[in-house]
Amino acid sequence: MPKTSPRSANAPAAAAAAQRGPLATPAEVAAYLGVPVKTLYQWKYRGIGPNVYKVGRHLRYRWSEVDAWVTGQSAYDLAV
């Protein structure tokens, strides 16, 4: 069985990231993660969620940091 290159394995994620803007609203991140918006606010308060930034009086997330946070949440080492 031929091995796939890491670049081709990440192609769907890269394509999805290209369609998103650089910053996301809490509602967009909540929908992406499948959690309520209130959970994001709780994570922000506890300091356990993805990095969040204030732009004026609005909260915004960087998609790259959300993806990195999700990757870091892996409970198991799935690398072969």
PDB file of N, CA and C in Angstrom:
ATOM      1  N   MET A   1       0.846  -1.164   0.000  1.00  0.00           N
ATOM      2  CA  MET A   1       0.000   0.000   0.000  1.00  0.00           C
ATOM      3  C   MET A   1       0.897   1.233   0.000  1.00  0.00           C
ATOM      4  N   PRO A   2       0.738   2.150  -0.965  1.00  0.00           N
ATOM      5  CA  PRO A   2       1.598   3.334  -1.020  1.00  0.00           C
ATOM      6  C   PRO A   2       1.239   4.309   0.090  1.00  0.00           C
ATOM      7  N   LYS A   3       2.265   4.938   0.630  1.00  0.00           N
ATOM      8  CA  LYS A   3       2.047   5.943   1.672  1.00  0.00           C
ATOM      9  C   LYS A   3       1.667   7.263   1.025  1.00  0.00           C
ATOM     10  N   THR A   4       0.753   7.964   1.678  1.00  0.00           N
ATOM     11  CA  THR A   4       0.380   9.284   1.169  1.00  0.00           C
ATOM     12  C   THR A   4       1.291  10.312   1.802  1.00  0.00           C
ATOM     13  N   SER A   5       1.583  11.334   1.063  1.00  0.00           N
ATOM     14  CA  SER A   5       2.428  12.393   1.599  1.00  0.00           C
ATOM     15  C   SER A   5       1.602  13.226   2.573  1.00  0.00           C
ATOM     16  N   PRO A   6       2.255  13.833   3.556  1.00  0.00           N
ATOM     17  CA  PRO A   6       1.517  14.674   4.500  1.00  0.00           C
ATOM     18  C   PRO A   6       0.784  15.820   3.810  1.00  0.00           C
ATOM     19  N   ARG A   7       1.341  16.293   2.729  1.00  0.00           N
ATOM     20  CA  ARG A   7       0.716  17.402   2.016  1.00  0.00           C
ATOM     21  C   ARG A   7      -0.639  16.982   1.449  1.00  0.00           C
ATOM     22  N   SER A   8      -0.733  15.785   0.871  1.00  0.00           N
ATOM     23  CA  SER A   8      -2.005  15.348   0.301  1.00  0.00           C
ATOM     24  C   SER A   8      -2.995  14.976   1.387  1.00  0.00           C
ATOM     25  N   ALA A   9      -2.530  14.508   2.539  1.00  0.00           N
ATOM     26  CA  ALA A   9      -3.426  14.160   3.633  1.00  0.00           C
ATOM     27  C   ALA A   9      -4.076  15.412   4.226  1.00  0.00           C
ATOM     28  N   ASN A  10      -3.398  16.547   4.172  1.00  0.00           N
ATOM     29  CA  ASN A  10      -3.927  17.789   4.734  1.00  0.00           C
ATOM     30  C   ASN A  10      -4.656  18.633   3.699  1.00  0.00           C
ATOM     31  N   ALA A  11      -4.786  18.144   2.492  1.00  0.00           N
ATOM     32  CA  ALA A  11      -5.400  18.930   1.422  1.00  0.00           C
ATOM     33  C   ALA A  11      -6.838  19.338   1.752  1.00  0.00           C
ATOM     34  N   PRO A  12      -7.696  18.443   2.281  1.00  0.00           N
ATOM     35  CA  PRO A  12      -9.061  18.898   2.606  1.00  0.00           C
ATOM     36  C   PRO A  12      -9.073  19.981   3.677  1.00  0.00           C
ATOM     37  N   ALA A  13      -8.217  19.861   4.669  1.00  0.00           N
ATOM     38  CA  ALA A  13      -8.167  20.877   5.724  1.00  0.00           C
ATOM     39  C   ALA A  13      -7.677  22.205   5.165  1.00  0.00           C
ATOM     40  N   ALA A  14      -6.706  22.157   4.278  1.00  0.00           N
ATOM     41  CA  ALA A  14      -6.184  23.378   3.672  1.00  0.00           C
ATOM     42  C   ALA A  14      -7.244  24.033   2.792  1.00  0.00           C
ATOM     43  N   ALA A  15      -8.022  23.229   2.084  1.00  0.00           N
ATOM     44  CA  ALA A  15      -9.079  23.774   1.235  1.00  0.00           C
ATOM     45  C   ALA A  15     -10.161  24.433   2.083  1.00  0.00           C
ATOM     46  N   ALA A  16     -10.508  23.812   3.205  1.00  0.00           N
ATOM     47  CA  ALA A  16     -11.522  24.383   4.088  1.00  0.00           C
ATOM     48  C   ALA A  16     -11.010  25.679   4.708  1.00  0.00           C
ATOM     49  N   ALA A  17      -9.739  25.708   5.081  1.00  0.00           N
ATOM     50  CA  ALA A  17      -9.166  26.915   5.678  1.00  0.00           C
ATOM     51  C   ALA A  17      -9.123  28.058   4.676  1.00  0.00           C
ATOM     52  N   ALA A  18      -8.925  27.741   3.399  1.00  0.00           N
ATOM     53  CA  ALA A  18      -8.876  28.781   2.377  1.00  0.00           C
ATOM     54  C   ALA A  18     -10.239  29.438   2.195  1.00  0.00           C
ATOM     55  N   GLN A  19     -11.327  28.710   2.448  1.00  0.00           N
ATOM     56  CA  GLN A  19     -12.665  29.262   2.292  1.00  0.00           C
ATOM     57  C   GLN A  19     -13.067  30.136   3.473  1.00  0.00           C
ATOM     58  N   ARG A  20     -12.453  29.919   4.632  1.00  0.00           N
ATOM     59  CA  ARG A  20     -12.772  30.699   5.819  1.00  0.00           C
ATOM     60  C   ARG A  20     -11.958  31.984   5.819  1.00  0.00           C
ATOM     61  N   GLY A  21     -12.464  32.988   6.488  1.00  0.00           N
ATOM     62  CA  GLY A  21     -11.695  34.214   6.676  1.00  0.00           C
ATOM     63  C   GLY A  21     -10.647  33.992   7.755  1.00  0.00           C
ATOM     64  N   PRO A  22      -9.758  34.956   7.948  1.00  0.00           N
ATOM     65  CA  PRO A  22      -8.705  34.778   8.951  1.00  0.00           C
ATOM     66  C   PRO A  22      -9.228  34.812  10.381  1.00  0.00           C
ATOM     67  N   LEU A  23     -10.345  35.504  10.626  1.00  0.00           N
ATOM     68  CA  LEU A  23     -10.912  35.596  11.969  1.00  0.00           C
ATOM     69  C   LEU A  23     -12.322  35.023  11.981  1.00  0.00           C
ATOM     70  N   ALA A  24     -12.673  34.431  13.118  1.00  0.00           N
ATOM     71  CA  ALA A  24     -13.986  33.800  13.244  1.00  0.00           C
ATOM     72  C   ALA A  24     -14.712  34.372  14.452  1.00  0.00           C
ATOM     73  N   THR A  25     -16.018  34.410  14.363  1.00  0.00           N
ATOM     74  CA  THR A  25     -16.853  34.822  15.476  1.00  0.00           C
ATOM     75  C   THR A  25     -17.042  33.635  16.418  1.00  0.00           C
ATOM     76  N   PRO A  26     -17.455  33.900  17.655  1.00  0.00           N
ATOM     77  CA  PRO A  26     -17.734  32.779  18.554  1.00  0.00           C
ATOM     78  C   PRO A  26     -18.790  31.817  17.996  1.00  0.00           C
ATOM     79  N   ALA A  27     -19.779  32.341  17.290  1.00  0.00           N
ATOM     80  CA  ALA A  27     -20.812  31.478  16.715  1.00  0.00           C
ATOM     81  C   ALA A  27     -20.227  30.536  15.658  1.00  0.00           C
ATOM     82  N   GLU A  28     -19.317  31.042  14.837  1.00  0.00           N
ATOM     83  CA  GLU A  28     -18.692  30.204  13.812  1.00  0.00           C
ATOM     84  C   GLU A  28     -17.831  29.115  14.440  1.00  0.00           C
ATOM     85  N   VAL A  29     -17.065  29.477  15.471  1.00  0.00           N
ATOM     86  CA  VAL A  29     -16.204  28.494  16.138  1.00  0.00           C
ATOM     87  C   VAL A  29     -17.052  27.463  16.871  1.00  0.00           C
ATOM     88  N   ALA A  30     -18.133  27.910  17.504  1.00  0.00           N
ATOM     89  CA  ALA A  30     -19.017  26.978  18.203  1.00  0.00           C
ATOM     90  C   ALA A  30     -19.625  25.977  17.231  1.00  0.00           C
ATOM     91  N   ALA A  31     -20.060  26.451  16.071  1.00  0.00           N
ATOM     92  CA  ALA A  31     -20.616  25.548  15.067  1.00  0.00           C
ATOM     93  C   ALA A  31     -19.557  24.575  14.564  1.00  0.00           C
ATOM     94  N   TYR A  32     -18.345  25.053  14.353  1.00  0.00           N
ATOM     95  CA  TYR A  32     -17.238  24.218  13.875  1.00  0.00           C
ATOM     96  C   TYR A  32     -16.895  23.122  14.884  1.00  0.00           C
ATOM     97  N   LEU A  33     -16.883  23.489  16.182  1.00  0.00           N
ATOM     98  CA  LEU A  33     -16.529  22.529  17.228  1.00  0.00           C
ATOM     99  C   LEU A  33     -17.718  21.692  17.693  1.00  0.00           C
ATOM    100  N   GLY A  34     -18.926  22.118  17.352  1.00  0.00           N
ATOM    101  CA  GLY A  34     -20.116  21.378  17.764  1.00  0.00           C
ATOM    102  C   GLY A  34     -20.453  21.588  19.235  1.00  0.00           C
ATOM    103  N   VAL A  35     -20.173  22.771  19.749  1.00  0.00           N
ATOM    104  CA  VAL A  35     -20.476  23.095  21.147  1.00  0.00           C
ATOM    105  C   VAL A  35     -21.296  24.377  21.174  1.00  0.00           C
ATOM    106  N   PRO A  36     -22.037  24.616  22.265  1.00  0.00           N
ATOM    107  CA  PRO A  36     -22.766  25.883  22.372  1.00  0.00           C
ATOM    108  C   PRO A  36     -21.807  27.067  22.526  1.00  0.00           C
ATOM    109  N   VAL A  37     -22.240  28.244  22.122  1.00  0.00           N
ATOM    110  CA  VAL A  37     -21.434  29.455  22.263  1.00  0.00           C
ATOM    111  C   VAL A  37     -21.110  29.694  23.740  1.00  0.00           C
ATOM    112  N   LYS A  38     -22.044  29.396  24.608  1.00  0.00           N
ATOM    113  CA  LYS A  38     -21.831  29.577  26.042  1.00  0.00           C
ATOM    114  C   LYS A  38     -20.622  28.768  26.523  1.00  0.00           C
ATOM    115  N   THR A  39     -20.388  27.606  25.944  1.00  0.00           N
ATOM    116  CA  THR A  39     -19.229  26.792  26.303  1.00  0.00           C
ATOM    117  C   THR A  39     -17.938  27.518  25.959  1.00  0.00           C
ATOM    118  N   LEU A  40     -17.898  28.204  24.815  1.00  0.00           N
ATOM    119  CA  LEU A  40     -16.706  28.977  24.449  1.00  0.00           C
ATOM    120  C   LEU A  40     -16.432  30.075  25.464  1.00  0.00           C
ATOM    121  N   TYR A  41     -17.484  30.732  25.930  1.00  0.00           N
ATOM    122  CA  TYR A  41     -17.307  31.776  26.929  1.00  0.00           C
ATOM    123  C   TYR A  41     -16.791  31.192  28.250  1.00  0.00           C
ATOM    124  N   GLN A  42     -17.284  30.007  28.606  1.00  0.00           N
ATOM    125  CA  GLN A  42     -16.799  29.354  29.824  1.00  0.00           C
ATOM    126  C   GLN A  42     -15.331  28.961  29.677  1.00  0.00           C
ATOM    127  N   TRP A  43     -14.957  28.426  28.515  1.00  0.00           N
ATOM    128  CA  TRP A  43     -13.563  28.060  28.270  1.00  0.00           C
ATOM    129  C   TRP A  43     -12.674  29.296  28.337  1.00  0.00           C
ATOM    130  N   LYS A  44     -13.149  30.416  27.783  1.00  0.00           N
ATOM    131  CA  LYS A  44     -12.372  31.657  27.830  1.00  0.00           C
ATOM    132  C   LYS A  44     -12.165  32.084  29.278  1.00  0.00           C
ATOM    133  N   TYR A  45     -13.218  32.030  30.080  1.00  0.00           N
ATOM    134  CA  TYR A  45     -13.144  32.424  31.486  1.00  0.00           C
ATOM    135  C   TYR A  45     -12.156  31.534  32.256  1.00  0.00           C
ATOM    136  N   ARG A  46     -12.187  30.233  31.965  1.00  0.00           N
ATOM    137  CA  ARG A  46     -11.312  29.279  32.649  1.00  0.00           C
ATOM    138  C   ARG A  46      -9.914  29.219  32.050  1.00  0.00           C
ATOM    139  N   GLY A  47      -9.745  29.781  30.864  1.00  0.00           N
ATOM    140  CA  GLY A  47      -8.439  29.773  30.208  1.00  0.00           C
ATOM    141  C   GLY A  47      -8.066  28.432  29.615  1.00  0.00           C
ATOM    142  N   ILE A  48      -9.074  27.639  29.208  1.00  0.00           N
ATOM    143  CA  ILE A  48      -8.779  26.303  28.699  1.00  0.00           C
ATOM    144  C   ILE A  48      -9.136  26.116  27.224  1.00  0.00           C
ATOM    145  N   GLY A  49      -9.744  27.099  26.606  1.00  0.00           N
ATOM    146  CA  GLY A  49     -10.157  26.973  25.220  1.00  0.00           C
ATOM    147  C   GLY A  49      -9.133  27.550  24.265  1.00  0.00           C
ATOM    148  N   PRO A  50      -9.502  27.643  22.996  1.00  0.00           N
ATOM    149  CA  PRO A  50      -8.599  28.260  22.020  1.00  0.00           C
ATOM    150  C   PRO A  50      -8.387  29.740  22.341  1.00  0.00           C
ATOM    151  N   ASN A  51      -7.262  30.275  21.910  1.00  0.00           N
ATOM    152  CA  ASN A  51      -6.971  31.691  22.137  1.00  0.00           C
ATOM    153  C   ASN A  51      -8.058  32.553  21.511  1.00  0.00           C
ATOM    154  N   VAL A  52      -8.438  33.587  22.237  1.00  0.00           N
ATOM    155  CA  VAL A  52      -9.477  34.500  21.767  1.00  0.00           C
ATOM    156  C   VAL A  52      -8.931  35.918  21.864  1.00  0.00           C
ATOM    157  N   TYR A  53      -9.352  36.761  20.925  1.00  0.00           N
ATOM    158  CA  TYR A  53      -8.886  38.146  20.850  1.00  0.00           C
ATOM    159  C   TYR A  53     -10.078  39.072  20.885  1.00  0.00           C
ATOM    160  N   LYS A  54      -9.883  40.248  21.493  1.00  0.00           N
ATOM    161  CA  LYS A  54     -10.914  41.269  21.461  1.00  0.00           C
ATOM    162  C   LYS A  54     -10.589  42.239  20.335  1.00  0.00           C
ATOM    163  N   VAL A  55     -11.537  42.403  19.457  1.00  0.00           N
ATOM    164  CA  VAL A  55     -11.435  43.386  18.381  1.00  0.00           C
ATOM    165  C   VAL A  55     -12.526  44.399  18.671  1.00  0.00           C
ATOM    166  N   GLY A  56     -12.104  45.529  19.214  1.00  0.00           N
ATOM    167  CA  GLY A  56     -13.096  46.473  19.721  1.00  0.00           C
ATOM    168  C   GLY A  56     -13.764  45.844  20.921  1.00  0.00           C
ATOM    169  N   ARG A  57     -15.054  45.677  20.851  1.00  0.00           N
ATOM    170  CA  ARG A  57     -15.755  45.004  21.945  1.00  0.00           C
ATOM    171  C   ARG A  57     -16.203  43.596  21.555  1.00  0.00           C
ATOM    172  N   HIS A  58     -15.725  43.116  20.428  1.00  0.00           N
ATOM    173  CA  HIS A  58     -16.113  41.805  19.918  1.00  0.00           C
ATOM    174  C   HIS A  58     -15.007  40.786  20.124  1.00  0.00           C
ATOM    175  N   LEU A  59     -15.389  39.532  20.354  1.00  0.00           N
ATOM    176  CA  LEU A  59     -14.428  38.438  20.466  1.00  0.00           C
ATOM    177  C   LEU A  59     -14.233  37.807  19.102  1.00  0.00           C
ATOM    178  N   ARG A  60     -12.986  37.502  18.793  1.00  0.00           N
ATOM    179  CA  ARG A  60     -12.662  36.852  17.526  1.00  0.00           C
ATOM    180  C   ARG A  60     -11.604  35.782  17.756  1.00  0.00           C
ATOM    181  N   TYR A  61     -11.666  34.744  16.949  1.00  0.00           N
ATOM    182  CA  TYR A  61     -10.717  33.635  17.007  1.00  0.00           C
ATOM    183  C   TYR A  61      -9.961  33.560  15.691  1.00  0.00           C
ATOM    184  N   ARG A  62      -8.698  33.188  15.737  1.00  0.00           N
ATOM    185  CA  ARG A  62      -7.944  32.892  14.522  1.00  0.00           C
ATOM    186  C   ARG A  62      -8.153  31.420  14.207  1.00  0.00           C
ATOM    187  N   TRP A  63      -8.562  31.139  12.965  1.00  0.00           N
ATOM    188  CA  TRP A  63      -8.827  29.754  12.584  1.00  0.00           C
ATOM    189  C   TRP A  63      -7.602  28.876  12.769  1.00  0.00           C
ATOM    190  N   SER A  64      -6.427  29.401  12.463  1.00  0.00           N
ATOM    191  CA  SER A  64      -5.218  28.588  12.601  1.00  0.00           C
ATOM    192  C   SER A  64      -5.005  28.173  14.053  1.00  0.00           C
ATOM    193  N   GLU A  65      -5.330  29.065  14.989  1.00  0.00           N
ATOM    194  CA  GLU A  65      -5.177  28.734  16.406  1.00  0.00           C
ATOM    195  C   GLU A  65      -6.267  27.794  16.896  1.00  0.00           C
ATOM    196  N   VAL A  66      -7.455  27.915  16.342  1.00  0.00           N
ATOM    197  CA  VAL A  66      -8.532  26.982  16.697  1.00  0.00           C
ATOM    198  C   VAL A  66      -8.141  25.574  16.245  1.00  0.00           C
ATOM    199  N   ASP A  67      -7.650  25.458  15.002  1.00  0.00           N
ATOM    200  CA  ASP A  67      -7.220  24.150  14.495  1.00  0.00           C
ATOM    201  C   ASP A  67      -6.069  23.586  15.318  1.00  0.00           C
ATOM    202  N   ALA A  68      -5.111  24.431  15.707  1.00  0.00           N
ATOM    203  CA  ALA A  68      -3.990  23.983  16.532  1.00  0.00           C
ATOM    204  C   ALA A  68      -4.484  23.532  17.902  1.00  0.00           C
ATOM    205  N   TRP A  69      -5.446  24.233  18.463  1.00  0.00           N
ATOM    206  CA  TRP A  69      -5.996  23.853  19.764  1.00  0.00           C
ATOM    207  C   TRP A  69      -6.702  22.501  19.675  1.00  0.00           C
ATOM    208  N   VAL A  70      -7.474  22.300  18.613  1.00  0.00           N
ATOM    209  CA  VAL A  70      -8.172  21.020  18.422  1.00  0.00           C
ATOM    210  C   VAL A  70      -7.155  19.891  18.308  1.00  0.00           C
ATOM    211  N   THR A  71      -6.100  20.121  17.558  1.00  0.00           N
ATOM    212  CA  THR A  71      -5.053  19.104  17.406  1.00  0.00           C
ATOM    213  C   THR A  71      -4.418  18.777  18.760  1.00  0.00           C
ATOM    214  N   GLY A  72      -4.220  19.781  19.585  1.00  0.00           N
ATOM    215  CA  GLY A  72      -3.618  19.585  20.891  1.00  0.00           C
ATOM    216  C   GLY A  72      -4.525  18.892  21.893  1.00  0.00           C
ATOM    217  N   GLN A  73      -5.814  18.781  21.588  1.00  0.00           N
ATOM    218  CA  GLN A  73      -6.766  18.154  22.493  1.00  0.00           C
ATOM    219  C   GLN A  73      -6.795  16.631  22.371  1.00  0.00           C
ATOM    220  N   SER A  74      -5.998  16.090  21.476  1.00  0.00           N
ATOM    221  CA  SER A  74      -5.987  14.644  21.268  1.00  0.00           C
ATOM    222  C   SER A  74      -5.625  13.926  22.569  1.00  0.00           C
ATOM    223  N   ALA A  75      -6.471  13.018  22.980  1.00  0.00           N
ATOM    224  CA  ALA A  75      -6.235  12.269  24.213  1.00  0.00           C
ATOM    225  C   ALA A  75      -5.293  11.096  23.981  1.00  0.00           C
ATOM    226  N   TYR A  76      -5.160  10.676  22.743  1.00  0.00           N
ATOM    227  CA  TYR A  76      -4.359   9.519  22.418  1.00  0.00           C
ATOM    228  C   TYR A  76      -3.350   9.893  21.337  1.00  0.00           C
ATOM    229  N   ASP A  77      -2.219   9.281  21.363  1.00  0.00           N
ATOM    230  CA  ASP A  77      -1.228   9.492  20.301  1.00  0.00           C
ATOM    231  C   ASP A  77      -1.605   8.553  19.156  1.00  0.00           C
ATOM    232  N   LEU A  78      -2.156   9.116  18.098  1.00  0.00           N
ATOM    233  CA  LEU A  78      -2.633   8.310  16.989  1.00  0.00           C
ATOM    234  C   LEU A  78      -1.589   8.122  15.903  1.00  0.00           C
ATOM    235  N   ALA A  79      -0.399   8.676  16.087  1.00  0.00           N
ATOM    236  CA  ALA A  79       0.648   8.534  15.084  1.00  0.00           C
ATOM    237  C   ALA A  79       1.108   7.084  15.032  1.00  0.00           C
ATOM    238  N   VAL A  80       1.327   6.625  13.820  1.00  0.00           N
ATOM    239  CA  VAL A  80       1.745   5.234  13.639  1.00  0.00           C
ATOM    240  C   VAL A  80       3.237   5.181  13.417  1.00  0.00           C
TER     241      VAL A  80
END
